[in-house]
C-alpha cells in the first residue's frame, strides 16, 4: 500500500526558512519585510510545483533585491552626458564621500567651536561664492525651477515680468515656463517676436508695474536665421532688476561650449540675479543656484517660501564637495579626447570578442543633454553590439540580483551602441562584465 503525500505539506514553514543564515543576514541588510516577501514568493513556487520544497531557501536568496531601495545603478552609455531620465550628472567620488559623511548627524546648522547655532550650509555657500567671484551672495534651493519661482514670488507677485516671446520655453515632461511663473501670481508681459526681440522692445514694456526683466537662455533649442536677441548688458539700464536664467549650471566659460552662457559672465555684464541648475554642467546634485547682488539674494533667502524650497544636508554636502573637490565626472567627460575613447572602445570590444560576443569599436557622436550645449556635437567612440542585448543589459537577471550594473545605450542602424564619452574609465571593466553576463 502506497500513501500519497501532498507536496504542499512538504513546503517548509516561514520561520524555518527565515532561520537560514543567508536570509538571517539579509534581514540586517535589507529589513525583514523584503526578505519575508522573497520567502513567501519562493514558498508559492514550491506549492505550485515549479520548484522543489527543499529549494525554497535557495530560491528566496536568489530573489532578494540587491539593496533596500528600488533605484538601480546605471552605466550611462547613451552618449548623452546629462541624461535627465538617468539622473543627470553623476556625482564625483568626493561628493559621494561627502554624502556618506553627512548621512548621520552633522554640524549642518551648528557651530562646533562656539557650541551654538550656526549658518546652515555655510561651507557650500562659501564654495559657491568662490566659484563665482562676481556674485555678491549666493543661495541654494532644490532646483532651478524653484529658484525662478522664489524670484518671481518675491520680486513680482501681482506684478509683471517682461520676457521675450522667443524665450518662452518648455522643459522636460511638458512643464512650461509661463505656467511656472504665473503660478506665483506674477503676470507675463511678452515682448518682441519668436525670432527677433530688441532692447527697445523691453524698454517699451517696462513700467511702474514691472517686477523684473527675465532673460532666459533657450538651452534645449536654437533659433537661427533672421534673428535678434539683446544681451544682458543692453537690458541693465531699464530701471528694474534683470534676472537671468542660464539653466545649465555653467559657472564659468568653457571652450567647448562657446554659445553656452555662464553665471560669471552674465553677472559681470550686469545681471542682478542669475539662476542655474546644480545637476547639469556643474556636475553636482540637483539644486537651484541663486547668484547675484547681496541685498537681493538675502531678500530671497529670508522669504518664507525659501524655507519650503530649501535643500537637505545630503545635497549641501554633495554641492560643496563638487565645488571644492576635483573635477566632476561631467567635466572629465567634456574634456575627454576621442583618441583615448577609441582606445578604450577597442580594448572593451577585443575582450568581448574573445568571450564569443559579436562586438566592434566604432566612431560615435555624443551630446551634452539636459538643455546644455544644444547642437554641440562631441566626437566619441562606442562599442557596437547586437540589438538583442539591449533589454538584458538594462534589466536582465544579473542586473536584478545585483551581480551587474544596468547598462543603457542607444540604437543606431539596428545595432546597440555603448558610447563611452559619458562612461568613466573606471567603469570599463564593470561594463565589459555586464555585457558578458547579458550575453550568457
Protein backbone atom coordinates (compact mmCIF):
# COMPACT_ATOMS: atom_id res chain seq x y z
CA UNK A 1 0.00 0.00 0.00
CA UNK A 2 1.42 3.42 -1.02
CA UNK A 3 0.41 6.59 0.80
CA UNK A 4 0.41 9.72 -1.37
CA UNK A 5 1.71 12.85 0.36
CA UNK A 6 0.51 16.25 -0.78
CA UNK A 7 3.68 18.09 -1.90
CA UNK A 8 2.35 21.27 -0.38
CA UNK A 9 2.75 19.70 3.06
CA UNK A 10 6.50 19.50 2.43
CA UNK A 11 6.91 23.26 1.96
CA UNK A 12 9.00 24.46 4.95
CA UNK A 13 7.47 26.83 7.47
CA UNK A 14 8.27 30.53 7.14
CA UNK A 15 10.19 30.73 10.42
CA UNK A 16 12.31 27.75 9.40
CA UNK A 17 13.23 29.37 6.09
CA UNK A 18 13.99 32.73 7.73
CA UNK A 19 16.39 30.93 10.06
CA UNK A 20 18.65 30.12 7.09
CA UNK A 21 21.92 32.02 7.85
CA UNK A 22 21.88 33.71 4.44
CA UNK A 23 18.37 35.04 4.96
CA UNK A 24 19.04 36.00 8.57
CA UNK A 25 21.99 38.08 7.42
CA UNK A 26 19.93 39.60 4.63
CA UNK A 27 17.41 40.87 7.16
CA UNK A 28 20.13 43.02 8.71
CA UNK A 29 20.93 44.49 5.32
CA UNK A 30 17.50 44.72 3.67
CA UNK A 31 14.99 44.59 6.50
CA UNK A 32 12.53 41.87 7.43
CA UNK A 33 9.75 42.92 5.03
CA UNK A 34 11.77 42.49 1.82
CA UNK A 35 13.25 39.17 2.95
CA UNK A 36 9.86 37.88 4.04
CA UNK A 37 8.38 38.78 0.65
CA UNK A 38 11.11 36.79 -1.10
CA UNK A 39 10.48 33.80 1.18
CA UNK A 40 6.74 33.82 0.57
CA UNK A 41 7.27 34.07 -3.17
CA UNK A 42 9.56 31.02 -3.02
CA UNK A 43 7.02 29.12 -0.92
CA UNK A 44 4.32 29.81 -3.52
CA UNK A 45 6.63 28.47 -6.22
CA UNK A 46 7.06 25.28 -4.22
CA UNK A 47 3.31 24.92 -3.67
CA UNK A 48 2.70 25.29 -7.41
CA UNK A 49 5.34 22.68 -8.14
CA UNK A 50 7.67 24.97 -10.11
CA UNK A 51 10.48 24.33 -7.61
CA UNK A 52 11.17 21.57 -5.09
CA UNK A 53 10.23 22.18 -1.48
CA UNK A 54 13.87 21.70 -0.48
CA UNK A 55 14.85 24.59 -2.78
CA UNK A 56 12.71 27.28 -1.08
CA UNK A 57 15.57 28.87 0.85
CA UNK A 58 17.81 28.92 -2.23
CA UNK A 59 15.05 30.46 -4.36
CA UNK A 60 14.39 33.11 -1.74
CA UNK A 61 18.08 34.04 -1.61
CA UNK A 62 18.18 34.30 -5.40
CA UNK A 63 15.11 36.56 -5.42
CA UNK A 64 16.47 39.02 -2.86
CA UNK A 65 16.97 42.55 -4.22
CA UNK A 66 20.48 43.95 -4.27
CA UNK A 67 19.53 46.80 -1.92
CA UNK A 68 16.58 48.11 0.08
CA UNK A 69 15.91 50.98 -2.34
CA UNK A 70 14.49 50.27 -5.79
CA UNK A 71 16.81 52.72 -7.58
CA UNK A 72 19.22 50.74 -9.73
CA UNK A 73 22.77 51.90 -10.53
CA UNK A 74 23.14 52.52 -14.26
CA UNK A 75 26.14 52.93 -16.55
CA UNK A 76 25.12 55.71 -18.92
CA UNK A 77 26.38 54.64 -22.34
CA UNK A 78 23.77 56.60 -24.30
CA UNK A 79 26.19 59.29 -25.45
CA UNK A 80 24.08 61.93 -23.69
CA UNK A 81 26.30 63.15 -20.86
CA UNK A 82 23.47 64.68 -18.83
CA UNK A 83 20.59 62.28 -19.31
CA UNK A 84 17.58 63.53 -17.34
CA UNK A 85 15.96 60.07 -17.22
CA UNK A 86 19.17 58.64 -15.74
CA UNK A 87 19.52 61.25 -13.00
CA UNK A 88 21.58 63.81 -14.94
CA UNK A 89 25.09 64.43 -13.54
CA UNK A 90 26.84 61.53 -11.78
CA UNK A 91 28.49 62.71 -8.58
CA UNK A 92 32.25 62.75 -8.14
CA UNK A 93 33.93 60.39 -5.67
CA UNK A 94 34.48 63.39 -3.39
CA UNK A 95 30.77 64.26 -3.49
CA UNK A 96 29.78 60.66 -2.76
CA UNK A 97 32.13 60.58 0.22
CA UNK A 98 30.62 63.85 1.44
CA UNK A 99 27.10 62.43 1.18
CA UNK A 100 28.15 59.38 3.19
CA UNK A 101 29.73 61.58 5.86
CA UNK A 102 26.58 63.72 6.03
CA UNK A 103 24.25 60.74 6.34
CA UNK A 104 24.48 60.77 10.12
CA UNK A 105 24.37 63.73 12.48
CA UNK A 106 26.38 66.71 11.19
CA UNK A 107 27.10 70.33 12.05
CA UNK A 108 24.57 71.43 9.41
CA UNK A 109 23.32 74.36 11.50
CA UNK A 110 25.71 74.17 14.43
CA UNK A 111 28.98 75.94 15.18
CA UNK A 112 31.08 73.26 16.85
CA UNK A 113 33.69 75.74 18.11
CA UNK A 114 31.16 78.12 19.64
CA UNK A 115 28.72 75.44 20.75
CA UNK A 116 25.82 77.45 19.32
CA UNK A 117 23.55 77.58 16.28
CA UNK A 118 25.44 78.26 13.06
CA UNK A 119 24.62 79.28 9.50
CA UNK A 120 23.01 76.45 7.54
CA UNK A 121 25.24 75.12 4.74
CA UNK A 122 27.86 77.82 5.22
CA UNK A 123 30.63 75.76 3.61
CA UNK A 124 28.66 75.16 0.42
CA UNK A 125 27.67 78.81 0.14
CA UNK A 126 31.27 79.92 0.64
CA UNK A 127 32.45 77.45 -2.01
CA UNK A 128 29.79 78.74 -4.41
CA UNK A 129 30.87 82.34 -3.79
CA UNK A 130 34.49 81.40 -4.51
CA UNK A 131 33.46 79.68 -7.74
CA UNK A 132 31.60 82.79 -8.96
CA UNK A 133 33.56 85.86 -7.76
CA UNK A 134 31.18 88.26 -9.49
CA UNK A 135 28.33 87.17 -7.20
CA UNK A 136 27.82 89.34 -4.15
CA UNK A 137 25.98 86.48 -2.44
CA UNK A 138 24.63 83.01 -3.12
CA UNK A 139 21.69 80.89 -2.03
CA UNK A 140 20.60 77.35 -2.83
CA UNK A 141 17.12 75.87 -3.30
CA UNK A 142 16.03 72.46 -4.54
CA UNK A 143 16.14 73.03 -8.32
CA UNK A 144 16.32 75.76 -10.94
CA UNK A 145 12.54 75.93 -11.31
CA UNK A 146 12.34 76.59 -7.57
CA UNK A 147 14.89 79.38 -7.95
CA UNK A 148 12.70 81.06 -10.58
CA UNK A 149 9.55 80.55 -8.50
CA UNK A 150 11.23 82.17 -5.50
CA UNK A 151 12.46 85.12 -7.56
CA UNK A 152 9.04 85.63 -9.17
CA UNK A 153 7.23 85.37 -5.84
CA UNK A 154 9.49 87.82 -4.01
CA UNK A 155 10.06 90.35 -6.79
CA UNK A 156 6.94 90.20 -8.95
CA UNK A 157 3.90 88.64 -7.25
CA UNK A 158 0.92 90.63 -8.55
CA UNK A 159 3.18 92.46 -10.99
CA UNK A 160 4.62 91.90 -14.47
CA UNK A 161 7.67 90.00 -15.63
CA UNK A 162 8.91 91.11 -19.03
CA UNK A 163 10.22 88.29 -21.25
CA UNK A 164 10.87 87.77 -24.95
CA UNK A 165 8.46 85.57 -26.89
CA UNK A 166 11.47 83.68 -28.19
CA UNK A 167 12.36 82.59 -24.64
CA UNK A 168 9.01 81.15 -23.50
CA UNK A 169 10.48 77.71 -23.16
CA UNK A 170 9.06 74.30 -22.37
CA UNK A 171 11.26 71.99 -20.32
CA UNK A 172 11.02 68.23 -19.74
CA UNK A 173 7.79 66.34 -19.14
CA UNK A 174 5.62 69.14 -20.51
CA UNK A 175 6.42 71.81 -17.92
CA UNK A 176 6.25 75.30 -19.41
CA UNK A 177 7.95 78.44 -18.15
CA UNK A 178 4.81 80.64 -18.48
CA UNK A 179 2.78 78.23 -16.34
CA UNK A 180 5.53 78.12 -13.74
CA UNK A 181 5.76 81.90 -13.48
CA UNK A 182 2.02 82.51 -13.45
CA UNK A 183 1.63 80.01 -10.60
CA UNK A 184 3.39 82.58 -8.37
CA UNK A 185 0.78 85.28 -9.04
CA UNK A 186 3.04 87.21 -11.41
CA UNK A 187 1.88 88.22 -14.88
CA UNK A 188 3.90 87.70 -18.03
CA UNK A 189 4.45 90.59 -20.40
CA UNK A 190 5.65 89.17 -23.71
CA UNK A 191 7.77 91.36 -25.97
CA UNK A 192 9.19 91.01 -29.47
CA UNK A 193 8.58 88.04 -31.72
CA UNK A 194 9.73 84.45 -31.74
CA UNK A 195 12.82 85.17 -33.81
CA UNK A 196 13.52 88.86 -33.14
CA UNK A 197 13.41 90.83 -29.91
CA UNK A 198 15.32 94.09 -29.39
CA UNK A 199 16.33 96.15 -26.38
CA UNK A 200 13.76 98.73 -27.48
CA UNK A 201 11.01 96.10 -27.13
CA UNK A 202 11.96 95.59 -23.50
CA UNK A 203 12.25 99.32 -22.83
CA UNK A 204 8.77 99.96 -24.24
CA UNK A 205 7.25 97.32 -21.95
CA UNK A 206 8.94 98.33 -18.68
CA UNK A 207 6.83 100.50 -16.39
CA UNK A 208 5.72 101.05 -12.81
CA UNK A 209 4.13 97.60 -12.70
CA UNK A 210 7.26 95.74 -13.80
CA UNK A 211 8.78 93.39 -11.23
CA UNK A 212 11.81 92.47 -13.31
CA UNK A 213 13.07 91.65 -16.77
CA UNK A 214 13.69 87.94 -17.27
CA UNK A 215 16.35 86.77 -19.69
CA UNK A 216 16.16 83.02 -20.38
CA UNK A 217 18.77 81.00 -22.21
CA UNK A 218 16.86 78.75 -24.69
CA UNK A 219 19.03 75.82 -23.73
CA UNK A 220 17.13 72.98 -25.41
CA UNK A 221 16.62 74.51 -28.87
CA UNK A 222 18.15 77.02 -31.27
CA UNK A 223 16.58 79.77 -33.37
CA UNK A 224 18.67 80.53 -36.46
CA UNK A 225 18.45 82.78 -39.47
CA UNK A 226 16.84 86.23 -39.29
CA UNK A 227 17.17 86.72 -35.53
CA UNK A 228 17.87 89.39 -32.93
CA UNK A 229 18.36 88.95 -29.22
CA UNK A 230 19.82 91.61 -26.89
CA UNK A 231 22.47 90.65 -24.37
CA UNK A 232 22.34 91.20 -20.63
CA UNK A 233 24.34 94.44 -20.85
CA UNK A 234 21.68 96.00 -23.12
CA UNK A 235 18.97 95.40 -20.52
CA UNK A 236 20.65 96.79 -17.43
CA UNK A 237 19.65 100.43 -17.82
CA UNK A 238 15.89 99.93 -17.73
CA UNK A 239 15.44 100.78 -14.06
CA UNK A 240 14.27 97.33 -12.96
CA UNK A 241 16.18 94.21 -11.87
CA UNK A 242 17.45 91.89 -14.60
CA UNK A 243 17.15 88.21 -13.75
CA UNK A 244 18.99 85.72 -15.95
CA UNK A 245 18.18 82.02 -16.15
CA UNK A 246 21.21 80.26 -17.61
CA UNK A 247 19.67 76.88 -16.81
CA UNK A 248 22.57 74.56 -17.46
CA UNK A 249 24.67 75.49 -14.45
CA UNK A 250 27.85 76.55 -16.24
CA UNK A 251 29.56 78.80 -13.70
CA UNK A 252 32.46 79.94 -15.91
CA UNK A 253 33.03 79.90 -19.68
CA UNK A 254 34.05 76.57 -21.28
CA UNK A 255 35.98 76.45 -24.60
CA UNK A 256 33.89 73.56 -25.98
CA UNK A 257 30.65 75.45 -25.30
CA UNK A 258 31.19 78.96 -26.69
CA UNK A 259 27.47 79.69 -27.01
CA UNK A 260 26.57 78.46 -23.54
CA UNK A 261 26.09 81.36 -21.09
CA UNK A 262 27.81 81.16 -17.73
CA UNK A 263 26.96 82.76 -14.40
CA UNK A 264 30.17 84.76 -14.04
CA UNK A 265 29.84 86.38 -17.48
CA UNK A 266 26.16 87.31 -17.05
CA UNK A 267 26.82 88.83 -13.63
CA UNK A 268 29.77 90.82 -14.94
CA UNK A 269 27.53 92.01 -17.79
CA UNK A 270 25.14 93.48 -15.25
CA UNK A 271 22.57 90.84 -14.29
CA UNK A 272 21.20 91.46 -10.81
CA UNK A 273 20.41 87.80 -10.27
CA UNK A 274 21.35 84.59 -12.10
CA UNK A 275 19.67 81.23 -11.56
CA UNK A 276 21.13 77.86 -12.58
CA UNK A 277 20.93 74.12 -12.02
CA UNK A 278 23.37 72.20 -9.85
CA UNK A 279 22.98 68.80 -11.53
CA UNK A 280 23.82 69.77 -15.09
CA UNK A 281 27.13 71.22 -16.29
CA UNK A 282 28.25 71.95 -12.74
CA UNK A 283 28.18 68.19 -12.22
CA UNK A 284 26.69 68.20 -8.74
CA UNK A 285 23.43 67.23 -7.04
CA UNK A 286 20.01 68.55 -8.02
CA UNK A 287 19.86 72.11 -6.75
CA UNK A 288 18.82 75.59 -7.83
CA UNK A 289 21.57 78.18 -7.54
CA UNK A 290 20.79 81.85 -6.87
CA UNK A 291 23.73 84.18 -7.53
CA UNK A 292 23.74 87.96 -7.58
CA UNK A 293 23.55 91.22 -5.67
CA UNK A 294 23.93 90.58 -1.95
CA UNK A 295 20.87 92.60 -0.92
CA UNK A 296 18.70 90.83 -3.49
CA UNK A 297 19.89 87.32 -2.66
CA UNK A 298 19.43 87.93 1.07
CA UNK A 299 15.92 89.17 0.42
CA UNK A 300 15.05 85.99 -1.43
CA UNK A 301 16.71 83.76 1.16
CA UNK A 302 14.70 85.33 4.01
CA UNK A 303 11.32 84.95 2.31
CA UNK A 304 9.04 82.33 3.93
CA UNK A 305 8.87 80.37 0.65
CA UNK A 306 12.63 79.79 0.80
CA UNK A 307 12.05 77.53 3.78
CA UNK A 308 9.78 75.28 1.72
CA UNK A 309 12.31 75.15 -1.13
CA UNK A 310 15.49 74.60 0.86
CA UNK A 311 17.81 71.65 0.28
CA UNK A 312 18.73 68.94 2.76
CA UNK A 313 22.09 68.09 4.32
CA UNK A 314 22.95 65.47 1.69
CA UNK A 315 22.53 67.98 -1.15
CA UNK A 316 24.54 70.61 0.72
CA UNK A 317 27.36 68.15 1.32
CA UNK A 318 27.46 66.96 -2.30
CA UNK A 319 27.31 70.52 -3.63
CA UNK A 320 30.21 71.73 -1.51
CA UNK A 321 32.36 68.73 -2.44
CA UNK A 322 31.55 69.25 -6.13
CA UNK A 323 32.62 72.88 -5.95
CA UNK A 324 35.67 72.43 -3.75
CA UNK A 325 36.84 68.99 -4.84
CA UNK A 326 38.40 67.55 -8.01
CA UNK A 327 36.73 67.88 -11.44
CA UNK A 328 33.30 66.26 -11.59
CA UNK A 329 32.67 63.34 -13.99
CA UNK A 330 30.77 65.65 -16.35
CA UNK A 331 33.79 67.94 -16.65
CA UNK A 332 36.03 64.95 -17.33
CA UNK A 333 33.60 63.65 -19.97
CA UNK A 334 33.53 67.03 -21.71
CA UNK A 335 37.32 67.15 -21.85
CA UNK A 336 37.79 63.51 -22.96
CA UNK A 337 39.80 63.03 -26.17
CA UNK A 338 38.32 60.96 -28.95
CA UNK A 339 41.62 59.09 -29.44
CA UNK A 340 41.51 57.94 -25.83
CA UNK A 341 37.87 56.93 -26.14
CA UNK A 342 38.70 54.93 -29.28
CA UNK A 343 41.46 53.01 -27.48
CA UNK A 344 39.04 52.18 -24.67
CA UNK A 345 36.35 51.03 -27.13
CA UNK A 346 38.84 48.80 -28.95
CA UNK A 347 40.04 47.27 -25.68
CA UNK A 348 36.50 46.52 -24.50
CA UNK A 349 35.48 45.15 -27.89
CA UNK A 350 38.51 42.85 -28.02
CA UNK A 351 37.63 41.43 -24.60
CA UNK A 352 34.05 40.82 -25.72
CA UNK A 353 35.12 39.16 -28.99
CA UNK A 354 37.38 36.83 -27.02
CA UNK A 355 34.29 35.91 -24.98
CA UNK A 356 32.48 34.97 -28.19
CA UNK A 357 30.37 38.13 -28.48
CA UNK A 358 29.73 39.98 -31.75
CA UNK A 359 31.38 43.32 -30.93
CA UNK A 360 33.33 46.06 -32.67
CA UNK A 361 34.61 49.54 -31.88
CA UNK A 362 33.05 52.32 -33.96
CA UNK A 363 33.23 56.13 -34.08
CA UNK A 364 30.30 57.91 -32.48
CA UNK A 365 28.87 61.32 -31.66
CA UNK A 366 27.82 62.38 -28.17
CA UNK A 367 25.83 65.34 -26.85
CA UNK A 368 25.70 67.35 -23.63
CA UNK A 369 22.00 66.83 -22.91
CA UNK A 370 19.65 68.23 -20.23
CA UNK A 371 19.36 71.50 -22.10
CA UNK A 372 23.09 72.14 -22.25
CA UNK A 373 25.01 72.93 -25.43
CA UNK A 374 22.15 72.48 -27.92
CA UNK A 375 23.57 71.48 -31.29
CA UNK A 376 27.06 70.83 -29.91
CA UNK A 377 28.48 67.55 -31.25
CA UNK A 378 31.12 65.79 -29.15
CA UNK A 379 33.25 63.30 -31.12
CA UNK A 380 33.23 59.97 -29.35
CA UNK A 381 33.71 56.22 -29.69
CA UNK A 382 31.35 53.35 -28.97
CA UNK A 383 31.15 49.59 -28.67
CA UNK A 384 28.69 48.19 -31.25
CA UNK A 385 26.71 45.11 -30.17
CA UNK A 386 23.73 43.05 -31.35
CA UNK A 387 20.47 44.84 -30.64
CA UNK A 388 19.09 41.85 -28.73
CA UNK A 389 21.46 42.52 -25.82
CA UNK A 390 19.78 45.85 -25.00
CA UNK A 391 16.93 44.58 -22.78
CA UNK A 392 19.18 42.11 -20.95
CA UNK A 393 21.75 44.84 -20.28
CA UNK A 394 19.03 47.05 -18.86
CA UNK A 395 17.10 44.53 -16.78
CA UNK A 396 18.47 41.01 -17.12
CA UNK A 397 18.88 38.52 -14.29
CA UNK A 398 22.38 39.76 -13.43
CA UNK A 399 21.03 43.30 -13.03
CA UNK A 400 18.05 42.22 -10.95
CA UNK A 401 20.12 40.35 -8.40
CA UNK A 402 22.87 42.96 -8.24
CA UNK A 403 25.63 40.94 -9.94
CA UNK A 404 25.96 43.57 -12.69
CA UNK A 405 25.11 47.22 -13.13
CA UNK A 406 22.39 48.10 -15.59
CA UNK A 407 23.83 49.45 -18.85
CA UNK A 408 21.78 51.76 -21.09
CA UNK A 409 22.96 52.53 -24.63
CA UNK A 410 21.24 53.73 -27.79
CA UNK A 411 20.13 52.09 -31.01
CA UNK A 412 21.63 53.04 -34.38
CA UNK A 413 21.27 51.19 -37.71
CA UNK A 414 19.92 48.11 -36.00
CA UNK A 415 22.82 47.82 -33.55
CA UNK A 416 23.21 48.69 -29.88
CA UNK A 417 25.86 51.35 -29.32
CA UNK A 418 27.53 51.77 -25.95
CA UNK A 419 29.00 55.26 -26.23
CA UNK A 420 31.98 55.80 -23.91
CA UNK A 421 32.02 59.62 -23.75
CA UNK A 422 29.85 59.57 -20.62
CA UNK A 423 31.33 56.38 -19.14
CA UNK A 424 34.14 56.77 -16.63
CA UNK A 425 37.27 54.78 -17.48
CA UNK A 426 36.91 53.05 -14.10
CA UNK A 427 33.61 51.60 -15.36
CA UNK A 428 35.11 49.90 -18.42
CA UNK A 429 35.58 46.62 -16.55
CA UNK A 430 32.07 46.61 -14.98
CA UNK A 431 30.61 47.46 -18.40
CA UNK A 432 32.51 44.59 -20.02
CA UNK A 433 31.36 42.21 -17.30
CA UNK A 434 27.76 43.37 -17.68
CA UNK A 435 27.83 42.63 -21.43
CA UNK A 436 29.30 39.18 -20.87
CA UNK A 437 26.68 38.44 -18.20
CA UNK A 438 23.89 39.63 -20.52
CA UNK A 439 25.20 37.54 -23.41
CA UNK A 440 25.48 34.50 -21.19
